[in-house]
């Protein structure tokens, strides 16, 4: 996975992978595994970005901390 990827780019790539998997009938186990691993890494990155944003928002307004999560 690229180091300079954005959240939006990562989500778009996950959507592309899903589309590829849905459209490809004859995909080798190795290729399927590779695409699934790429998607998993991208989703982890996205989850991390969302957690970071949530933490930043909580830091801005600590009174809302009980509402988060």
N, C-alpha and C. Protein backbone atom coordinates (compact mmCIF):
# COMPACT_ATOMS: atom_id res chain seq x y z
N UNK A 1 0.85 -1.18 0.00
CA UNK A 1 0.00 0.00 0.00
C UNK A 1 0.89 1.24 0.00
N UNK A 2 0.50 2.24 -0.76
CA UNK A 2 1.24 3.49 -0.83
C UNK A 2 1.24 4.19 0.52
N UNK A 3 2.32 4.91 0.80
CA UNK A 3 2.39 5.66 2.05
C UNK A 3 1.63 6.98 1.96
N UNK A 4 1.44 7.51 0.76
CA UNK A 4 0.81 8.82 0.59
C UNK A 4 -0.64 8.73 0.18
N UNK A 5 -1.27 7.63 0.41
CA UNK A 5 -2.66 7.43 0.00
C UNK A 5 -3.59 8.18 0.96
N UNK A 6 -4.69 8.68 0.41
CA UNK A 6 -5.68 9.36 1.24
C UNK A 6 -6.82 8.39 1.56
N UNK A 7 -7.64 8.79 2.50
CA UNK A 7 -8.81 7.99 2.85
C UNK A 7 -9.69 7.76 1.62
N UNK A 8 -9.96 8.82 0.88
CA UNK A 8 -10.82 8.70 -0.30
C UNK A 8 -10.22 7.77 -1.36
N UNK A 9 -8.92 7.86 -1.55
CA UNK A 9 -8.26 6.97 -2.51
C UNK A 9 -8.35 5.52 -2.05
N UNK A 10 -8.18 5.30 -0.75
CA UNK A 10 -8.24 3.95 -0.21
C UNK A 10 -9.63 3.35 -0.39
N UNK A 11 -10.66 4.12 -0.08
CA UNK A 11 -12.04 3.64 -0.25
C UNK A 11 -12.31 3.34 -1.71
N UNK A 12 -11.87 4.22 -2.60
CA UNK A 12 -12.08 4.00 -4.02
C UNK A 12 -11.40 2.70 -4.47
N UNK A 13 -10.19 2.45 -3.98
CA UNK A 13 -9.48 1.23 -4.37
C UNK A 13 -10.20 -0.01 -3.83
N UNK A 14 -10.73 0.06 -2.61
CA UNK A 14 -11.50 -1.07 -2.07
C UNK A 14 -12.71 -1.34 -2.96
N UNK A 15 -13.39 -0.28 -3.38
CA UNK A 15 -14.55 -0.45 -4.27
C UNK A 15 -14.13 -1.08 -5.59
N UNK A 16 -12.96 -0.67 -6.11
CA UNK A 16 -12.45 -1.26 -7.35
C UNK A 16 -12.16 -2.75 -7.17
N UNK A 17 -11.57 -3.09 -6.05
CA UNK A 17 -11.26 -4.50 -5.78
C UNK A 17 -12.54 -5.33 -5.71
N UNK A 18 -13.53 -4.82 -5.01
CA UNK A 18 -14.80 -5.53 -4.91
C UNK A 18 -15.40 -5.71 -6.29
N UNK A 19 -15.37 -4.67 -7.10
CA UNK A 19 -15.90 -4.76 -8.46
C UNK A 19 -15.13 -5.81 -9.27
N UNK A 20 -13.81 -5.79 -9.16
CA UNK A 20 -12.98 -6.77 -9.86
C UNK A 20 -13.35 -8.19 -9.44
N UNK A 21 -13.54 -8.40 -8.17
CA UNK A 21 -13.88 -9.73 -7.67
C UNK A 21 -15.26 -10.16 -8.14
N UNK A 22 -16.18 -9.22 -8.22
CA UNK A 22 -17.54 -9.54 -8.68
C UNK A 22 -17.58 -9.82 -10.18
N UNK A 23 -16.72 -9.16 -10.95
CA UNK A 23 -16.76 -9.27 -12.40
C UNK A 23 -15.87 -10.39 -12.95
N UNK A 24 -14.94 -10.87 -12.16
CA UNK A 24 -13.99 -11.87 -12.63
C UNK A 24 -14.45 -13.26 -12.22
N UNK A 25 -14.76 -14.07 -13.19
CA UNK A 25 -15.22 -15.43 -12.90
C UNK A 25 -14.06 -16.39 -12.65
N UNK A 26 -13.00 -16.25 -13.44
CA UNK A 26 -11.89 -17.19 -13.35
C UNK A 26 -10.69 -16.50 -12.69
N UNK A 27 -10.72 -16.43 -11.39
CA UNK A 27 -9.64 -15.80 -10.64
C UNK A 27 -8.93 -16.88 -9.85
N UNK A 28 -7.62 -16.93 -9.97
CA UNK A 28 -6.87 -17.95 -9.24
C UNK A 28 -6.94 -17.68 -7.74
N UNK A 29 -6.72 -18.70 -6.97
CA UNK A 29 -6.73 -18.57 -5.51
C UNK A 29 -5.67 -17.56 -5.08
N UNK A 30 -4.53 -17.62 -5.71
CA UNK A 30 -3.44 -16.69 -5.39
C UNK A 30 -3.84 -15.24 -5.66
N UNK A 31 -4.46 -14.99 -6.82
CA UNK A 31 -4.88 -13.64 -7.16
C UNK A 31 -5.99 -13.16 -6.22
N UNK A 32 -6.92 -14.05 -5.91
CA UNK A 32 -8.01 -13.71 -4.98
C UNK A 32 -7.42 -13.34 -3.62
N UNK A 33 -6.49 -14.15 -3.16
CA UNK A 33 -5.85 -13.91 -1.86
C UNK A 33 -5.12 -12.57 -1.86
N UNK A 34 -4.43 -12.27 -2.94
CA UNK A 34 -3.69 -11.01 -3.04
C UNK A 34 -4.64 -9.81 -2.98
N UNK A 35 -5.74 -9.87 -3.72
CA UNK A 35 -6.70 -8.78 -3.73
C UNK A 35 -7.40 -8.64 -2.36
N UNK A 36 -7.72 -9.76 -1.75
CA UNK A 36 -8.35 -9.72 -0.43
C UNK A 36 -7.41 -9.10 0.60
N UNK A 37 -6.14 -9.43 0.52
CA UNK A 37 -5.16 -8.85 1.45
C UNK A 37 -5.00 -7.35 1.23
N UNK A 38 -4.96 -6.94 -0.02
CA UNK A 38 -4.88 -5.51 -0.32
C UNK A 38 -6.09 -4.78 0.25
N UNK A 39 -7.27 -5.33 0.05
CA UNK A 39 -8.49 -4.71 0.56
C UNK A 39 -8.46 -4.65 2.10
N UNK A 40 -8.00 -5.72 2.73
CA UNK A 40 -7.92 -5.75 4.19
C UNK A 40 -7.00 -4.65 4.71
N UNK A 41 -5.85 -4.47 4.08
CA UNK A 41 -4.91 -3.43 4.49
C UNK A 41 -5.50 -2.04 4.29
N UNK A 42 -6.17 -1.86 3.18
CA UNK A 42 -6.80 -0.57 2.91
C UNK A 42 -7.90 -0.26 3.93
N UNK A 43 -8.69 -1.26 4.28
CA UNK A 43 -9.75 -1.06 5.26
C UNK A 43 -9.18 -0.76 6.64
N UNK A 44 -8.09 -1.40 6.99
CA UNK A 44 -7.42 -1.07 8.26
C UNK A 44 -6.96 0.38 8.27
N UNK A 45 -6.39 0.81 7.14
CA UNK A 45 -5.95 2.20 7.01
C UNK A 45 -7.14 3.14 7.20
N UNK A 46 -8.25 2.84 6.55
CA UNK A 46 -9.45 3.68 6.65
C UNK A 46 -9.96 3.74 8.08
N UNK A 47 -9.99 2.60 8.75
CA UNK A 47 -10.43 2.56 10.15
C UNK A 47 -9.52 3.43 11.01
N UNK A 48 -8.24 3.37 10.76
CA UNK A 48 -7.27 4.18 11.50
C UNK A 48 -7.52 5.67 11.27
N UNK A 49 -7.77 6.03 10.02
CA UNK A 49 -8.05 7.43 9.70
C UNK A 49 -9.31 7.91 10.40
N UNK A 50 -10.33 7.09 10.43
CA UNK A 50 -11.58 7.46 11.10
C UNK A 50 -11.39 7.60 12.61
N UNK A 51 -10.61 6.70 13.20
CA UNK A 51 -10.31 6.81 14.64
C UNK A 51 -9.54 8.10 14.92
N UNK A 52 -8.56 8.41 14.08
CA UNK A 52 -7.79 9.64 14.26
C UNK A 52 -8.69 10.87 14.18
N UNK A 53 -9.61 10.86 13.23
CA UNK A 53 -10.54 11.98 13.10
C UNK A 53 -11.44 12.08 14.33
N UNK A 54 -11.92 10.94 14.78
CA UNK A 54 -12.77 10.92 15.97
C UNK A 54 -12.03 11.49 17.18
N UNK A 55 -10.77 11.08 17.34
CA UNK A 55 -9.96 11.58 18.45
C UNK A 55 -9.71 13.08 18.33
N UNK A 56 -9.46 13.56 17.13
CA UNK A 56 -9.24 14.98 16.92
C UNK A 56 -10.50 15.78 17.25
N UNK A 57 -11.65 15.26 16.86
CA UNK A 57 -12.91 15.94 17.16
C UNK A 57 -13.18 15.94 18.66
N UNK A 58 -12.86 14.85 19.32
CA UNK A 58 -13.04 14.78 20.77
C UNK A 58 -12.12 15.77 21.47
N UNK A 59 -10.90 15.93 20.96
CA UNK A 59 -9.96 16.90 21.53
C UNK A 59 -10.47 18.33 21.38
N UNK A 60 -11.16 18.60 20.28
CA UNK A 60 -11.70 19.93 20.03
C UNK A 60 -12.84 20.23 21.00
N UNK A 61 -13.70 19.24 21.25
CA UNK A 61 -14.87 19.44 22.08
C UNK A 61 -14.98 18.29 23.10
N UNK A 62 -14.19 18.36 24.19
CA UNK A 62 -14.21 17.27 25.17
C UNK A 62 -15.58 17.03 25.80
N UNK A 63 -16.47 18.00 25.77
CA UNK A 63 -17.81 17.82 26.34
C UNK A 63 -18.60 16.77 25.58
N UNK A 64 -18.25 16.53 24.33
CA UNK A 64 -18.94 15.54 23.51
C UNK A 64 -18.34 14.15 23.65
N UNK A 65 -17.36 13.98 24.48
CA UNK A 65 -16.64 12.71 24.58
C UNK A 65 -17.58 11.55 24.92
N UNK A 66 -18.57 11.79 25.75
CA UNK A 66 -19.50 10.72 26.14
C UNK A 66 -20.39 10.28 24.97
N UNK A 67 -20.52 11.09 23.94
CA UNK A 67 -21.33 10.76 22.77
C UNK A 67 -20.57 9.94 21.75
N UNK A 68 -19.26 10.01 21.75
CA UNK A 68 -18.43 9.35 20.75
C UNK A 68 -18.31 7.87 21.08
N UNK A 69 -18.44 7.04 20.06
CA UNK A 69 -18.24 5.59 20.23
C UNK A 69 -19.49 4.95 20.62
